[in-house]
Amino acid sequence: MANTSKQFVVGEFYSNDDIIGLGVGNAGGIRPSTNADGSVNRVVLLTAIPSAKNEAENPYHDRIENDILIYTGKGLRGDQEPTGLNKRLIDQLRT
């Protein structure tokens, strides 16, 4: 059973085990937790500051503009499609 009672603090660093403890997957930048009916319970977004070191590993250019996270989503070519994990992210807004 995942420990979902942990209080996270903006600006602090957390291990992958801490993140998994929220009941989400162990890999990727979009990590949904779903209910038994398949609806989205929560979504954890992971991102990194772009650098030459991680450019090949993380080609996304997520950033914060005026206190708003600009998150690329999943997909490397063309417009992001509202399917798969991107759809789970959109669904989180409604639920």
C-alpha atoms as a PDB file:
ATOM      1  CA  MET A   1       0.000   0.000   0.000  1.00  0.00           C
ATOM      2  CA  ALA A   2       1.402   3.374  -1.008  1.00  0.00           C
ATOM      3  CA  ASN A   3       2.021   6.028   1.615  1.00  0.00           C
ATOM      4  CA  THR A   4      -0.042   8.914   0.248  1.00  0.00           C
ATOM      5  CA  SER A   5      -0.006  10.979   3.448  1.00  0.00           C
ATOM      6  CA  LYS A   6       3.484  12.422   2.939  1.00  0.00           C
ATOM      7  CA  GLN A   7       3.567  16.194   2.666  1.00  0.00           C
ATOM      8  CA  PHE A   8       5.913  17.369  -0.064  1.00  0.00           C
ATOM      9  CA  VAL A   9       7.568  20.781   0.092  1.00  0.00           C
ATOM     10  CA  VAL A  10       8.254  22.907  -2.992  1.00  0.00           C
ATOM     11  CA  GLY A  11      11.979  23.258  -3.581  1.00  0.00           C
ATOM     12  CA  GLU A  12      12.970  20.109  -1.682  1.00  0.00           C
ATOM     13  CA  PHE A  13      14.473  17.060  -3.367  1.00  0.00           C
ATOM     14  CA  TYR A  14      12.884  13.609  -3.148  1.00  0.00           C
ATOM     15  CA  SER A  15      14.072  10.151  -4.111  1.00  0.00           C
ATOM     16  CA  ASN A  16      12.402   7.941  -6.679  1.00  0.00           C
ATOM     17  CA  ASP A  17      11.219   5.771  -3.763  1.00  0.00           C
ATOM     18  CA  ASP A  18       9.515   8.839  -2.236  1.00  0.00           C
ATOM     19  CA  ILE A  19       7.709   9.467  -5.529  1.00  0.00           C
ATOM     20  CA  ILE A  20       6.721   5.816  -5.966  1.00  0.00           C
ATOM     21  CA  GLY A  21       5.322   5.983  -2.430  1.00  0.00           C
ATOM     22  CA  LEU A  22       2.511   8.099  -3.865  1.00  0.00           C
ATOM     23  CA  GLY A  23       1.232   5.029  -5.697  1.00  0.00           C
ATOM     24  CA  VAL A  24       2.527   6.033  -9.125  1.00  0.00           C
ATOM     25  CA  GLY A  25       4.858   4.284 -11.566  1.00  0.00           C
ATOM     26  CA  ASN A  26       8.623   4.108 -11.206  1.00  0.00           C
ATOM     27  CA  ALA A  27       9.684   5.637 -14.533  1.00  0.00           C
ATOM     28  CA  GLY A  28       8.878   8.450 -16.909  1.00  0.00           C
ATOM     29  CA  GLY A  29       7.982  12.088 -16.567  1.00  0.00           C
ATOM     30  CA  ILE A  30       4.202  11.590 -16.398  1.00  0.00           C
ATOM     31  CA  ARG A  31       3.320   9.148 -13.618  1.00  0.00           C
ATOM     32  CA  PRO A  32      -0.401   8.631 -13.074  1.00  0.00           C
ATOM     33  CA  SER A  33      -2.085   6.839 -10.214  1.00  0.00           C
ATOM     34  CA  THR A  34      -5.410   5.343 -11.235  1.00  0.00           C
ATOM     35  CA  ASN A  35      -8.465   4.170  -9.346  1.00  0.00           C
ATOM     36  CA  ALA A  36      -9.934   0.678  -9.747  1.00  0.00           C
ATOM     37  CA  ASP A  37     -12.251   1.988 -12.506  1.00  0.00           C
ATOM     38  CA  GLY A  38      -9.267   3.367 -14.467  1.00  0.00           C
ATOM     39  CA  SER A  39      -9.975   7.010 -13.653  1.00  0.00           C
ATOM     40  CA  VAL A  40      -7.032   9.203 -12.721  1.00  0.00           C
ATOM     41  CA  ASN A  41      -6.474   9.619  -8.989  1.00  0.00           C
ATOM     42  CA  ARG A  42      -3.405  11.863  -9.248  1.00  0.00           C
ATOM     43  CA  VAL A  43      -0.581  12.629 -11.652  1.00  0.00           C
ATOM     44  CA  VAL A  44       3.030  13.282 -10.705  1.00  0.00           C
ATOM     45  CA  LEU A  45       5.061  15.294 -13.227  1.00  0.00           C
ATOM     46  CA  LEU A  46       8.842  15.077 -13.228  1.00  0.00           C
ATOM     47  CA  THR A  47      11.060  17.417 -15.159  1.00  0.00           C
ATOM     48  CA  ALA A  48      14.650  18.623 -15.199  1.00  0.00           C
ATOM     49  CA  ILE A  49      16.403  21.837 -16.018  1.00  0.00           C
ATOM     50  CA  PRO A  50      17.809  21.500 -19.558  1.00  0.00           C
ATOM     51  CA  SER A  51      21.573  21.167 -19.714  1.00  0.00           C
ATOM     52  CA  ALA A  52      24.158  19.888 -22.167  1.00  0.00           C
ATOM     53  CA  LYS A  53      24.657  16.912 -19.856  1.00  0.00           C
ATOM     54  CA  ASN A  54      21.068  15.696 -20.009  1.00  0.00           C
ATOM     55  CA  GLU A  55      20.028  16.976 -23.481  1.00  0.00           C
ATOM     56  CA  ALA A  56      20.265  13.534 -25.130  1.00  0.00           C
ATOM     57  CA  GLU A  57      18.500  11.824 -22.228  1.00  0.00           C
ATOM     58  CA  ASN A  58      15.830  14.515 -21.797  1.00  0.00           C
ATOM     59  CA  PRO A  59      15.064  16.377 -25.053  1.00  0.00           C
ATOM     60  CA  TYR A  60      12.102  18.233 -23.541  1.00  0.00           C
ATOM     61  CA  HIS A  61      12.349  21.901 -22.679  1.00  0.00           C
ATOM     62  CA  ASP A  62       9.979  22.189 -19.746  1.00  0.00           C
ATOM     63  CA  ARG A  63      10.234  25.464 -17.906  1.00  0.00           C
ATOM     64  CA  ILE A  64       8.527  27.825 -15.512  1.00  0.00           C
ATOM     65  CA  GLU A  65       7.202  31.092 -16.915  1.00  0.00           C
ATOM     66  CA  ASN A  66       5.576  33.573 -14.522  1.00  0.00           C
ATOM     67  CA  ASP A  67       5.058  30.829 -11.904  1.00  0.00           C
ATOM     68  CA  ILE A  68       3.397  28.519 -14.479  1.00  0.00           C
ATOM     69  CA  LEU A  69       4.975  25.194 -15.421  1.00  0.00           C
ATOM     70  CA  ILE A  70       5.157  24.814 -19.201  1.00  0.00           C
ATOM     71  CA  TYR A  71       5.229  21.033 -19.565  1.00  0.00           C
ATOM     72  CA  THR A  72       5.895  19.460 -22.955  1.00  0.00           C
ATOM     73  CA  GLY A  73       4.048  16.188 -22.482  1.00  0.00           C
ATOM     74  CA  LYS A  74       4.952  12.839 -24.019  1.00  0.00           C
ATOM     75  CA  GLY A  75       6.092  12.660 -27.638  1.00  0.00           C
ATOM     76  CA  LEU A  76       9.150  13.754 -29.544  1.00  0.00           C
ATOM     77  CA  ARG A  77       7.818  14.876 -32.944  1.00  0.00           C
ATOM     78  CA  GLY A  78       5.148  17.340 -34.003  1.00  0.00           C
ATOM     79  CA  ASP A  79       2.285  18.473 -31.812  1.00  0.00           C
ATOM     80  CA  GLN A  80       1.627  16.553 -28.602  1.00  0.00           C
ATOM     81  CA  GLU A  81      -1.350  14.241 -29.016  1.00  0.00           C
ATOM     82  CA  PRO A  82      -4.092  13.972 -26.334  1.00  0.00           C
ATOM     83  CA  THR A  83      -3.682  10.205 -26.039  1.00  0.00           C
ATOM     84  CA  GLY A  84      -2.053   7.813 -23.577  1.00  0.00           C
ATOM     85  CA  LEU A  85      -0.195   9.565 -20.771  1.00  0.00           C
ATOM     86  CA  ASN A  86      -0.923  12.996 -22.230  1.00  0.00           C
ATOM     87  CA  LYS A  87      -4.653  12.200 -21.977  1.00  0.00           C
ATOM     88  CA  ARG A  88      -4.197  11.086 -18.356  1.00  0.00           C
ATOM     89  CA  LEU A  89      -2.643  14.478 -17.664  1.00  0.00           C
ATOM     90  CA  ILE A  90      -5.592  16.264 -19.291  1.00  0.00           C
ATOM     91  CA  ASP A  91      -8.059  14.030 -17.423  1.00  0.00           C
ATOM     92  CA  GLN A  92      -6.463  15.077 -14.126  1.00  0.00           C
ATOM     93  CA  LEU A  93      -7.822  18.591 -14.649  1.00  0.00           C
ATOM     94  CA  ARG A  94     -11.383  17.236 -14.567  1.00  0.00           C
ATOM     95  CA  THR A  95     -10.899  14.845 -11.659  1.00  0.00           C
END
